[in-house]
PDB file of N, CA and C in Angstrom:
ATOM      1  N   UNK A   1       9.815   2.001  -8.956  1.00  0.00           N
ATOM      2  CA  UNK A   1      10.287   1.240 -10.122  1.00  0.00           C
ATOM      3  C   UNK A   1      11.041   1.102 -10.865  1.00  0.00           C
ATOM      4  N   UNK A   2      11.767   0.578 -11.811  1.00  0.00           N
ATOM      5  CA  UNK A   2      12.469   1.047 -12.781  1.00  0.00           C
ATOM      6  C   UNK A   2      11.744   0.883 -14.540  1.00  0.00           C
ATOM      7  N   UNK A   3      10.538   0.080 -14.303  1.00  0.00           N
ATOM      8  CA  UNK A   3      10.411  -0.309 -16.097  1.00  0.00           C
ATOM      9  C   UNK A   3       8.510  -0.900 -15.587  1.00  0.00           C
ATOM     10  N   UNK A   4       7.955  -0.488 -16.240  1.00  0.00           N
ATOM     11  CA  UNK A   4       6.678  -0.727 -16.630  1.00  0.00           C
ATOM     12  C   UNK A   4       5.903  -1.114 -17.917  1.00  0.00           C
ATOM     13  N   UNK A   5       5.028  -1.244 -18.010  1.00  0.00           N
ATOM     14  CA  UNK A   5       4.290  -1.180 -19.113  1.00  0.00           C
ATOM     15  C   UNK A   5       3.343  -1.178 -19.690  1.00  0.00           C
ATOM     16  N   UNK A   6       3.190  -0.013 -19.025  1.00  0.00           N
ATOM     17  CA  UNK A   6       1.532   0.883 -18.137  1.00  0.00           C
ATOM     18  C   UNK A   6       0.545   1.809 -19.242  1.00  0.00           C
ATOM     19  N   UNK A   7       2.002   2.086 -19.920  1.00  0.00           N
ATOM     20  CA  UNK A   7       1.997   2.629 -20.968  1.00  0.00           C
ATOM     21  C   UNK A   7       1.179   2.149 -22.246  1.00  0.00           C
ATOM     22  N   UNK A   8       1.968   0.998 -22.513  1.00  0.00           N
ATOM     23  CA  UNK A   8       1.504   0.068 -23.506  1.00  0.00           C
ATOM     24  C   UNK A   8       0.439  -1.012 -23.437  1.00  0.00           C
ATOM     25  N   UNK A   9      -0.404  -1.059 -22.271  1.00  0.00           N
ATOM     26  CA  UNK A   9      -1.147  -1.271 -21.875  1.00  0.00           C
ATOM     27  C   UNK A   9      -2.525  -1.651 -22.368  1.00  0.00           C
ATOM     28  N   UNK A  10      -3.201  -3.117 -22.777  1.00  0.00           N
ATOM     29  CA  UNK A  10      -4.288  -2.589 -23.042  1.00  0.00           C
ATOM     30  C   UNK A  10      -4.163  -4.686 -22.191  1.00  0.00           C
ATOM     31  N   UNK A  11      -6.246  -4.068 -22.188  1.00  0.00           N
ATOM     32  CA  UNK A  11      -7.237  -4.605 -21.290  1.00  0.00           C
ATOM     33  C   UNK A  11      -6.325  -6.556 -21.247  1.00  0.00           C
ATOM     34  N   UNK A  12      -6.106  -6.791 -22.961  1.00  0.00           N
ATOM     35  CA  UNK A  12      -6.588  -8.030 -22.779  1.00  0.00           C
ATOM     36  C   UNK A  12      -4.552  -8.637 -23.191  1.00  0.00           C
ATOM     37  N   UNK A  13      -3.615  -7.371 -22.125  1.00  0.00           N
ATOM     38  CA  UNK A  13      -2.509  -7.870 -22.059  1.00  0.00           C
ATOM     39  C   UNK A  13      -2.348  -7.926 -20.253  1.00  0.00           C
ATOM     40  N   UNK A  14      -0.700  -9.066 -19.922  1.00  0.00           N
ATOM     41  CA  UNK A  14      -0.491  -8.305 -18.619  1.00  0.00           C
ATOM     42  C   UNK A  14      -0.067  -7.718 -18.491  1.00  0.00           C
ATOM     43  N   UNK A  15      -0.331  -6.853 -16.958  1.00  0.00           N
ATOM     44  CA  UNK A  15       0.984  -5.598 -16.544  1.00  0.00           C
ATOM     45  C   UNK A  15       2.076  -6.326 -16.451  1.00  0.00           C
ATOM     46  N   UNK A  16       3.264  -5.323 -16.751  1.00  0.00           N
ATOM     47  CA  UNK A  16       3.889  -5.685 -15.948  1.00  0.00           C
ATOM     48  C   UNK A  16       4.877  -4.558 -15.149  1.00  0.00           C
ATOM     49  N   UNK A  17       5.963  -4.623 -13.630  1.00  0.00           N
ATOM     50  CA  UNK A  17       6.291  -3.656 -13.641  1.00  0.00           C
ATOM     51  C   UNK A  17       7.626  -4.702 -12.989  1.00  0.00           C
ATOM     52  N   UNK A  18       8.868  -3.950 -12.504  1.00  0.00           N
ATOM     53  CA  UNK A  18      10.374  -4.361 -12.461  1.00  0.00           C
ATOM     54  C   UNK A  18      10.478  -3.747 -11.271  1.00  0.00           C
ATOM     55  N   UNK A  19      11.355  -4.248 -10.423  1.00  0.00           N
ATOM     56  CA  UNK A  19      11.876  -3.820  -9.099  1.00  0.00           C
ATOM     57  C   UNK A  19      10.706  -2.315  -8.625  1.00  0.00           C
ATOM     58  N   UNK A  20       9.102  -3.043  -8.544  1.00  0.00           N
ATOM     59  CA  UNK A  20       8.590  -2.205  -7.450  1.00  0.00           C
ATOM     60  C   UNK A  20       8.738  -3.123  -5.929  1.00  0.00           C
ATOM     61  N   UNK A  21       8.030  -1.549  -5.132  1.00  0.00           N
ATOM     62  CA  UNK A  21       8.232  -1.615  -3.852  1.00  0.00           C
ATOM     63  C   UNK A  21       7.273  -1.422  -3.506  1.00  0.00           C
ATOM     64  N   UNK A  22       6.108  -2.393  -2.871  1.00  0.00           N
ATOM     65  CA  UNK A  22       4.853  -2.645  -1.755  1.00  0.00           C
ATOM     66  C   UNK A  22       4.468  -2.138  -0.513  1.00  0.00           C
ATOM     67  N   UNK A  23       3.500  -1.632  -0.546  1.00  0.00           N
ATOM     68  CA  UNK A  23       3.369  -1.540   0.736  1.00  0.00           C
ATOM     69  C   UNK A  23       2.280  -2.151   0.434  1.00  0.00           C
ATOM     70  N   UNK A  24       1.607  -2.414   1.779  1.00  0.00           N
ATOM     71  CA  UNK A  24       0.283  -3.722   1.985  1.00  0.00           C
ATOM     72  C   UNK A  24      -0.401  -2.348   2.996  1.00  0.00           C
ATOM     73  N   UNK A  25      -0.810  -1.612   3.743  1.00  0.00           N
ATOM     74  CA  UNK A  25      -1.788  -1.222   4.772  1.00  0.00           C
ATOM     75  C   UNK A  25      -2.904  -1.601   5.104  1.00  0.00           C
ATOM     76  N   UNK A  26      -2.858  -1.963   5.966  1.00  0.00           N
ATOM     77  CA  UNK A  26      -4.097  -2.073   6.904  1.00  0.00           C
ATOM     78  C   UNK A  26      -4.793  -1.197   7.870  1.00  0.00           C
ATOM     79  N   UNK A  27      -6.032  -1.428   8.521  1.00  0.00           N
ATOM     80  CA  UNK A  27      -6.775  -0.269   8.533  1.00  0.00           C
ATOM     81  C   UNK A  27      -5.807   0.704   9.955  1.00  0.00           C
ATOM     82  N   UNK A  28      -5.916   1.718   9.777  1.00  0.00           N
ATOM     83  CA  UNK A  28      -4.850   2.569  11.306  1.00  0.00           C
ATOM     84  C   UNK A  28      -4.191   3.384  10.656  1.00  0.00           C
ATOM     85  N   UNK A  29      -3.838   1.934   9.848  1.00  0.00           N
ATOM     86  CA  UNK A  29      -1.767   2.459   9.463  1.00  0.00           C
ATOM     87  C   UNK A  29      -1.600   3.990   8.816  1.00  0.00           C
ATOM     88  N   UNK A  30      -0.553   5.075   8.683  1.00  0.00           N
ATOM     89  CA  UNK A  30      -0.397   5.375   7.835  1.00  0.00           C
ATOM     90  C   UNK A  30       0.468   5.982   7.189  1.00  0.00           C
ATOM     91  N   UNK A  31       0.433   6.463   5.338  1.00  0.00           N
ATOM     92  CA  UNK A  31       1.807   6.949   4.766  1.00  0.00           C
ATOM     93  C   UNK A  31       1.820   8.341   4.432  1.00  0.00           C
ATOM     94  N   UNK A  32       3.338   7.925   4.934  1.00  0.00           N
ATOM     95  CA  UNK A  32       3.910   9.802   4.888  1.00  0.00           C
ATOM     96  C   UNK A  32       4.169   9.926   3.491  1.00  0.00           C
ATOM     97  N   UNK A  33       4.147  10.929   2.795  1.00  0.00           N
ATOM     98  CA  UNK A  33       4.266  11.209   1.433  1.00  0.00           C
ATOM     99  C   UNK A  33       5.321  12.283   1.407  1.00  0.00           C
ATOM    100  N   UNK A  34       5.774  13.015   2.147  1.00  0.00           N
ATOM    101  CA  UNK A  34       6.673  13.468   1.640  1.00  0.00           C
ATOM    102  C   UNK A  34       7.895  12.569   2.048  1.00  0.00           C
ATOM    103  N   UNK A  35       8.033  11.611   3.091  1.00  0.00           N
ATOM    104  CA  UNK A  35       9.091  11.288   3.117  1.00  0.00           C
ATOM    105  C   UNK A  35       8.495   9.601   1.637  1.00  0.00           C
ATOM    106  N   UNK A  36       7.709   9.400   1.127  1.00  0.00           N
ATOM    107  CA  UNK A  36       7.532   8.045   0.409  1.00  0.00           C
ATOM    108  C   UNK A  36       7.896   6.761   1.008  1.00  0.00           C
ATOM    109  N   UNK A  37       7.237   6.410   2.545  1.00  0.00           N
ATOM    110  CA  UNK A  37       7.333   4.925   3.389  1.00  0.00           C
ATOM    111  C   UNK A  37       6.182   5.071   4.007  1.00  0.00           C
ATOM    112  N   UNK A  38       5.462   4.404   5.066  1.00  0.00           N
ATOM    113  CA  UNK A  38       4.529   4.443   5.754  1.00  0.00           C
ATOM    114  C   UNK A  38       5.328   4.431   7.016  1.00  0.00           C
ATOM    115  N   UNK A  39       3.882   5.083   7.819  1.00  0.00           N
ATOM    116  CA  UNK A  39       4.528   6.201   8.878  1.00  0.00           C
ATOM    117  C   UNK A  39       4.969   5.248   9.673  1.00  0.00           C
ATOM    118  N   UNK A  40       5.648   5.603  11.366  1.00  0.00           N
ATOM    119  CA  UNK A  40       5.188   4.740  12.096  1.00  0.00           C
ATOM    120  C   UNK A  40       4.617   4.053  12.109  1.00  0.00           C
ATOM    121  N   UNK A  41       4.432   2.473  12.401  1.00  0.00           N
ATOM    122  CA  UNK A  41       3.931   1.609  13.152  1.00  0.00           C
ATOM    123  C   UNK A  41       2.993   1.323  14.358  1.00  0.00           C
ATOM    124  N   UNK A  42       0.838   1.709  14.372  1.00  0.00           N
ATOM    125  CA  UNK A  42       0.863   2.421  15.802  1.00  0.00           C
ATOM    126  C   UNK A  42       0.673   0.657  16.370  1.00  0.00           C
ATOM    127  N   UNK A  43       0.281   0.924  18.104  1.00  0.00           N
ATOM    128  CA  UNK A  43       0.798   0.100  18.921  1.00  0.00           C
ATOM    129  C   UNK A  43      -0.174  -1.186  18.356  1.00  0.00           C
ATOM    130  N   UNK A  44      -0.550  -2.398  19.255  1.00  0.00           N
ATOM    131  CA  UNK A  44      -0.640  -3.582  18.357  1.00  0.00           C
ATOM    132  C   UNK A  44      -2.583  -3.438  19.014  1.00  0.00           C
ATOM    133  N   UNK A  45      -2.868  -3.379  20.091  1.00  0.00           N
ATOM    134  CA  UNK A  45      -3.640  -2.991  20.312  1.00  0.00           C
ATOM    135  C   UNK A  45      -4.314  -1.733  20.601  1.00  0.00           C
ATOM    136  N   UNK A  46      -3.666  -1.015  19.587  1.00  0.00           N
ATOM    137  CA  UNK A  46      -4.478   0.519  19.293  1.00  0.00           C
ATOM    138  C   UNK A  46      -5.216  -0.233  17.388  1.00  0.00           C
ATOM    139  N   UNK A  47      -3.694  -0.664  16.212  1.00  0.00           N
ATOM    140  CA  UNK A  47      -4.555  -0.940  15.498  1.00  0.00           C
ATOM    141  C   UNK A  47      -5.522  -2.487  15.297  1.00  0.00           C
ATOM    142  N   UNK A  48      -5.892  -3.510  16.318  1.00  0.00           N
ATOM    143  CA  UNK A  48      -7.351  -3.939  16.014  1.00  0.00           C
ATOM    144  C   UNK A  48      -7.741  -3.470  16.597  1.00  0.00           C
ATOM    145  N   UNK A  49      -8.341  -2.203  18.113  1.00  0.00           N
ATOM    146  CA  UNK A  49      -9.464  -1.462  18.298  1.00  0.00           C
ATOM    147  C   UNK A  49      -9.648  -0.939  16.986  1.00  0.00           C
ATOM    148  N   UNK A  50      -9.190  -0.258  16.283  1.00  0.00           N
ATOM    149  CA  UNK A  50      -9.466   0.399  15.002  1.00  0.00           C
ATOM    150  C   UNK A  50     -10.113  -0.695  13.989  1.00  0.00           C
ATOM    151  N   UNK A  51      -9.859  -1.488  13.832  1.00  0.00           N
ATOM    152  CA  UNK A  51     -10.127  -2.892  13.129  1.00  0.00           C
ATOM    153  C   UNK A  51     -11.192  -3.310  13.478  1.00  0.00           C
ATOM    154  N   UNK A  52     -11.463  -2.999  14.706  1.00  0.00           N
ATOM    155  CA  UNK A  52     -12.297  -4.181  15.251  1.00  0.00           C
ATOM    156  C   UNK A  52     -14.235  -3.027  15.394  1.00  0.00           C
ATOM    157  N   UNK A  53     -13.643  -1.845  15.323  1.00  0.00           N
ATOM    158  CA  UNK A  53     -14.657  -0.886  15.042  1.00  0.00           C
ATOM    159  C   UNK A  53     -15.146  -0.357  13.795  1.00  0.00           C
ATOM    160  N   UNK A  54     -13.847  -0.874  12.907  1.00  0.00           N
ATOM    161  CA  UNK A  54     -14.334  -0.747  11.457  1.00  0.00           C
ATOM    162  C   UNK A  54     -15.279  -1.835  11.186  1.00  0.00           C
ATOM    163  N   UNK A  55     -15.532  -2.875  11.330  1.00  0.00           N
ATOM    164  CA  UNK A  55     -16.086  -4.267  10.993  1.00  0.00           C
ATOM    165  C   UNK A  55     -17.535  -4.121  12.384  1.00  0.00           C
ATOM    166  N   UNK A  56     -17.240  -2.994  12.609  1.00  0.00           N
ATOM    167  CA  UNK A  56     -19.326  -3.205  13.344  1.00  0.00           C
ATOM    168  C   UNK A  56     -19.974  -2.110  12.465  1.00  0.00           C
TER     169      UNK A  56
END
């Protein structure tokens, strides 16, 4: 992110962020903090099994 107004933010003011990278991770996905990126995506069948188990 190159800029944001978070320091000046007030509840009534919209938040601004520029040049942001966003990762949306689903159940079973992991994030590598050292590399600052999502880890290898798990096998789709494993991911679906984790989601199904969480829904129970």
